[in-house]
């Protein structure tokens, strides 16, 4: 008799849990988003904490852009002739980088020849407090450059 009670209790709990179902989780809105988790298309923050989190994302994206550029060179034996050529190439595999370039927060320069002094992509806006921006060069290395140095380098 105890065994049948246990079985009946187990079946009852199972049926009750199936009928009750899971509670519906409300959809997340923009205001629910973690303010410290940056998105690729975010504009330049002006606080050190938010800049610190965004800078890690931007450095990672710049590193990836350098690798994708190198892969493009290997695949086509020449640098991308237009921005759209590069965008079509990265669209499927690099969604964050694609979104950042599309939003204009990262500026990609087509027709750049490989080299350690040739700027390949850079942050559109500088971080005002420290007067710097993240830059990737055509050899794939990433630097945080003082804006004055960056301006001298890009004017050559």
C-alpha atoms as a PDB file:
ATOM      1  CA  UNK A   1       0.000   0.000   0.000  1.00  0.00           C
ATOM      2  CA  UNK A   2       2.835   2.431   0.768  1.00  0.00           C
ATOM      3  CA  UNK A   3       4.366   1.809  -2.591  1.00  0.00           C
ATOM      4  CA  UNK A   4       1.150   2.681  -4.411  1.00  0.00           C
ATOM      5  CA  UNK A   5       0.796   5.847  -2.306  1.00  0.00           C
ATOM      6  CA  UNK A   6       4.322   6.892  -3.250  1.00  0.00           C
ATOM      7  CA  UNK A   7       3.638   6.191  -6.907  1.00  0.00           C
ATOM      8  CA  UNK A   8       0.342   8.111  -6.739  1.00  0.00           C
ATOM      9  CA  UNK A   9       2.070  11.038  -5.025  1.00  0.00           C
ATOM     10  CA  UNK A  10       4.843  11.056  -7.670  1.00  0.00           C
ATOM     11  CA  UNK A  11       2.375  10.982 -10.555  1.00  0.00           C
ATOM     12  CA  UNK A  12       0.305  13.736  -8.899  1.00  0.00           C
ATOM     13  CA  UNK A  13       3.348  15.988  -8.551  1.00  0.00           C
ATOM     14  CA  UNK A  14       4.333  15.334 -12.166  1.00  0.00           C
ATOM     15  CA  UNK A  15       0.832  16.139 -13.463  1.00  0.00           C
ATOM     16  CA  UNK A  16       0.599  19.282 -11.326  1.00  0.00           C
ATOM     17  CA  UNK A  17       3.981  20.575 -12.510  1.00  0.00           C
ATOM     18  CA  UNK A  18       3.070  19.919 -16.161  1.00  0.00           C
ATOM     19  CA  UNK A  19      -0.255  21.716 -15.805  1.00  0.00           C
ATOM     20  CA  UNK A  20       1.258  24.675 -13.957  1.00  0.00           C
ATOM     21  CA  UNK A  21       3.994  25.152 -16.569  1.00  0.00           C
ATOM     22  CA  UNK A  22       6.825  27.604 -16.330  1.00  0.00           C
ATOM     23  CA  UNK A  23       6.085  31.239 -15.569  1.00  0.00           C
ATOM     24  CA  UNK A  24       6.398  33.485 -18.594  1.00  0.00           C
ATOM     25  CA  UNK A  25       9.507  35.652 -18.397  1.00  0.00           C
ATOM     26  CA  UNK A  26       8.856  39.228 -19.526  1.00  0.00           C
ATOM     27  CA  UNK A  27      10.845  40.444 -22.521  1.00  0.00           C
ATOM     28  CA  UNK A  28      13.880  42.589 -21.773  1.00  0.00           C
ATOM     29  CA  UNK A  29      13.741  46.234 -22.724  1.00  0.00           C
ATOM     30  CA  UNK A  30      16.554  48.665 -23.443  1.00  0.00           C
ATOM     31  CA  UNK A  31      16.329  50.045 -19.891  1.00  0.00           C
ATOM     32  CA  UNK A  32      16.900  46.518 -18.478  1.00  0.00           C
ATOM     33  CA  UNK A  33      20.261  46.229 -20.218  1.00  0.00           C
ATOM     34  CA  UNK A  34      23.452  46.270 -18.134  1.00  0.00           C
ATOM     35  CA  UNK A  35      24.858  49.796 -18.595  1.00  0.00           C
ATOM     36  CA  UNK A  36      28.408  48.500 -18.140  1.00  0.00           C
ATOM     37  CA  UNK A  37      28.113  45.990 -20.986  1.00  0.00           C
ATOM     38  CA  UNK A  38      28.986  47.922 -24.124  1.00  0.00           C
ATOM     39  CA  UNK A  39      27.556  47.298 -27.563  1.00  0.00           C
ATOM     40  CA  UNK A  40      29.627  47.661 -30.740  1.00  0.00           C
ATOM     41  CA  UNK A  41      27.567  50.609 -31.982  1.00  0.00           C
ATOM     42  CA  UNK A  42      27.744  52.593 -28.710  1.00  0.00           C
ATOM     43  CA  UNK A  43      29.145  56.112 -28.930  1.00  0.00           C
ATOM     44  CA  UNK A  44      32.134  57.218 -26.872  1.00  0.00           C
ATOM     45  CA  UNK A  45      31.282  57.244 -23.151  1.00  0.00           C
ATOM     46  CA  UNK A  46      32.693  60.031 -21.014  1.00  0.00           C
ATOM     47  CA  UNK A  47      33.134  58.186 -17.708  1.00  0.00           C
ATOM     48  CA  UNK A  48      36.222  56.133 -16.899  1.00  0.00           C
ATOM     49  CA  UNK A  49      34.315  53.000 -15.870  1.00  0.00           C
ATOM     50  CA  UNK A  50      32.183  52.854 -18.999  1.00  0.00           C
ATOM     51  CA  UNK A  51      35.196  53.737 -21.161  1.00  0.00           C
ATOM     52  CA  UNK A  52      37.171  50.913 -19.545  1.00  0.00           C
ATOM     53  CA  UNK A  53      34.530  48.331 -20.435  1.00  0.00           C
ATOM     54  CA  UNK A  54      34.039  49.731 -23.915  1.00  0.00           C
ATOM     55  CA  UNK A  55      37.788  49.920 -24.559  1.00  0.00           C
ATOM     56  CA  UNK A  56      38.190  46.161 -23.975  1.00  0.00           C
ATOM     57  CA  UNK A  57      35.466  45.490 -26.552  1.00  0.00           C
ATOM     58  CA  UNK A  58      36.966  47.939 -29.053  1.00  0.00           C
ATOM     59  CA  UNK A  59      40.473  46.491 -28.646  1.00  0.00           C
ATOM     60  CA  UNK A  60      39.090  43.007 -29.268  1.00  0.00           C
ATOM     61  CA  UNK A  61      37.183  44.166 -32.340  1.00  0.00           C
ATOM     62  CA  UNK A  62      40.265  45.968 -33.682  1.00  0.00           C
ATOM     63  CA  UNK A  63      42.344  42.817 -33.220  1.00  0.00           C
ATOM     64  CA  UNK A  64      39.681  40.857 -35.119  1.00  0.00           C
ATOM     65  CA  UNK A  65      39.586  43.467 -37.897  1.00  0.00           C
ATOM     66  CA  UNK A  66      43.356  43.098 -38.255  1.00  0.00           C
ATOM     67  CA  UNK A  67      43.021  39.320 -38.546  1.00  0.00           C
ATOM     68  CA  UNK A  68      40.117  39.584 -40.995  1.00  0.00           C
ATOM     69  CA  UNK A  69      42.134  42.019 -43.124  1.00  0.00           C
ATOM     70  CA  UNK A  70      45.052  39.581 -43.151  1.00  0.00           C
ATOM     71  CA  UNK A  71      42.704  36.756 -44.166  1.00  0.00           C
ATOM     72  CA  UNK A  72      41.215  38.958 -46.896  1.00  0.00           C
ATOM     73  CA  UNK A  73      44.735  39.595 -48.235  1.00  0.00           C
ATOM     74  CA  UNK A  74      45.414  35.858 -48.263  1.00  0.00           C
ATOM     75  CA  UNK A  75      42.131  35.038 -49.992  1.00  0.00           C
ATOM     76  CA  UNK A  76      42.223  37.767 -52.653  1.00  0.00           C
ATOM     77  CA  UNK A  77      45.954  38.682 -52.884  1.00  0.00           C
ATOM     78  CA  UNK A  78      45.086  42.370 -52.501  1.00  0.00           C
ATOM     79  CA  UNK A  79      43.544  44.684 -49.890  1.00  0.00           C
ATOM     80  CA  UNK A  80      39.821  45.451 -50.091  1.00  0.00           C
ATOM     81  CA  UNK A  81      39.204  48.039 -52.816  1.00  0.00           C
ATOM     82  CA  UNK A  82      36.113  49.478 -51.115  1.00  0.00           C
ATOM     83  CA  UNK A  83      34.561  49.520 -47.682  1.00  0.00           C
ATOM     84  CA  UNK A  84      31.649  47.510 -49.062  1.00  0.00           C
ATOM     85  CA  UNK A  85      34.010  44.735 -50.223  1.00  0.00           C
ATOM     86  CA  UNK A  86      35.328  44.351 -46.685  1.00  0.00           C
ATOM     87  CA  UNK A  87      31.849  44.633 -45.139  1.00  0.00           C
ATOM     88  CA  UNK A  88      30.531  41.852 -47.380  1.00  0.00           C
ATOM     89  CA  UNK A  89      33.546  39.728 -46.446  1.00  0.00           C
ATOM     90  CA  UNK A  90      33.060  40.073 -42.657  1.00  0.00           C
ATOM     91  CA  UNK A  91      29.252  40.203 -42.472  1.00  0.00           C
ATOM     92  CA  UNK A  92      28.685  36.530 -41.654  1.00  0.00           C
ATOM     93  CA  UNK A  93      31.590  35.850 -39.279  1.00  0.00           C
ATOM     94  CA  UNK A  94      32.172  39.160 -37.484  1.00  0.00           C
ATOM     95  CA  UNK A  95      28.834  40.647 -36.518  1.00  0.00           C
ATOM     96  CA  UNK A  96      30.182  42.971 -33.798  1.00  0.00           C
ATOM     97  CA  UNK A  97      32.824  44.388 -36.103  1.00  0.00           C
ATOM     98  CA  UNK A  98      30.276  44.707 -38.909  1.00  0.00           C
ATOM     99  CA  UNK A  99      27.834  46.573 -36.652  1.00  0.00           C
ATOM    100  CA  UNK A 100      30.536  48.934 -35.356  1.00  0.00           C
ATOM    101  CA  UNK A 101      31.757  49.814 -38.855  1.00  0.00           C
ATOM    102  CA  UNK A 102      28.193  50.155 -40.131  1.00  0.00           C
ATOM    103  CA  UNK A 103      27.273  52.448 -37.209  1.00  0.00           C
ATOM    104  CA  UNK A 104      30.379  54.551 -37.845  1.00  0.00           C
ATOM    105  CA  UNK A 105      31.959  54.065 -34.428  1.00  0.00           C
ATOM    106  CA  UNK A 106      34.915  52.343 -36.118  1.00  0.00           C
ATOM    107  CA  UNK A 107      36.301  53.805 -39.333  1.00  0.00           C
ATOM    108  CA  UNK A 108      37.800  51.237 -41.729  1.00  0.00           C
ATOM    109  CA  UNK A 109      40.136  52.457 -44.476  1.00  0.00           C
ATOM    110  CA  UNK A 110      40.052  50.428 -47.724  1.00  0.00           C
ATOM    111  CA  UNK A 111      43.019  50.119 -50.123  1.00  0.00           C
ATOM    112  CA  UNK A 112      45.529  50.108 -47.245  1.00  0.00           C
ATOM    113  CA  UNK A 113      48.728  48.245 -48.072  1.00  0.00           C
ATOM    114  CA  UNK A 114      50.151  45.885 -45.423  1.00  0.00           C
ATOM    115  CA  UNK A 115      52.631  47.540 -43.082  1.00  0.00           C
ATOM    116  CA  UNK A 116      53.277  48.404 -39.455  1.00  0.00           C
ATOM    117  CA  UNK A 117      52.856  52.167 -40.002  1.00  0.00           C
ATOM    118  CA  UNK A 118      49.671  52.070 -42.098  1.00  0.00           C
ATOM    119  CA  UNK A 119      46.458  52.732 -40.169  1.00  0.00           C
ATOM    120  CA  UNK A 120      43.791  50.194 -41.095  1.00  0.00           C
ATOM    121  CA  UNK A 121      40.935  51.193 -38.759  1.00  0.00           C
ATOM    122  CA  UNK A 122      40.384  53.517 -35.813  1.00  0.00           C
ATOM    123  CA  UNK A 123      37.763  54.723 -33.361  1.00  0.00           C
ATOM    124  CA  UNK A 124      35.830  57.631 -34.830  1.00  0.00           C
ATOM    125  CA  UNK A 125      35.778  59.582 -31.568  1.00  0.00           C
ATOM    126  CA  UNK A 126      38.626  60.112 -29.153  1.00  0.00           C
ATOM    127  CA  UNK A 127      38.206  59.702 -25.405  1.00  0.00           C
ATOM    128  CA  UNK A 128      38.258  63.354 -24.360  1.00  0.00           C
ATOM    129  CA  UNK A 129      39.585  62.888 -20.818  1.00  0.00           C
ATOM    130  CA  UNK A 130      42.760  61.090 -21.930  1.00  0.00           C
ATOM    131  CA  UNK A 131      42.807  62.430 -25.520  1.00  0.00           C
ATOM    132  CA  UNK A 132      43.295  58.974 -27.059  1.00  0.00           C
ATOM    133  CA  UNK A 133      41.692  56.391 -29.328  1.00  0.00           C
ATOM    134  CA  UNK A 134      42.208  52.738 -30.256  1.00  0.00           C
ATOM    135  CA  UNK A 135      43.849  52.108 -33.638  1.00  0.00           C
ATOM    136  CA  UNK A 136      44.679  48.924 -35.592  1.00  0.00           C
ATOM    137  CA  UNK A 137      47.485  48.914 -38.123  1.00  0.00           C
ATOM    138  CA  UNK A 138      47.680  46.946 -41.352  1.00  0.00           C
ATOM    139  CA  UNK A 139      50.127  44.470 -39.804  1.00  0.00           C
ATOM    140  CA  UNK A 140      47.453  43.629 -37.189  1.00  0.00           C
ATOM    141  CA  UNK A 141      48.891  45.288 -34.096  1.00  0.00           C
ATOM    142  CA  UNK A 142      46.529  47.368 -31.962  1.00  0.00           C
ATOM    143  CA  UNK A 143      47.524  50.526 -30.081  1.00  0.00           C
ATOM    144  CA  UNK A 144      45.859  53.105 -27.902  1.00  0.00           C
ATOM    145  CA  UNK A 145      47.269  56.289 -29.382  1.00  0.00           C
ATOM    146  CA  UNK A 146      47.357  59.859 -28.191  1.00  0.00           C
ATOM    147  CA  UNK A 147      45.157  61.835 -30.567  1.00  0.00           C
ATOM    148  CA  UNK A 148      47.971  64.260 -31.472  1.00  0.00           C
ATOM    149  CA  UNK A 149      50.164  61.317 -32.564  1.00  0.00           C
ATOM    150  CA  UNK A 150      47.232  59.833 -34.442  1.00  0.00           C
ATOM    151  CA  UNK A 151      46.594  63.113 -36.316  1.00  0.00           C
ATOM    152  CA  UNK A 152      50.285  63.344 -37.302  1.00  0.00           C
ATOM    153  CA  UNK A 153      50.285  59.732 -38.500  1.00  0.00           C
ATOM    154  CA  UNK A 154      47.129  60.086 -40.602  1.00  0.00           C
ATOM    155  CA  UNK A 155      48.226  63.372 -42.232  1.00  0.00           C
ATOM    156  CA  UNK A 156      51.283  61.766 -43.857  1.00  0.00           C
END
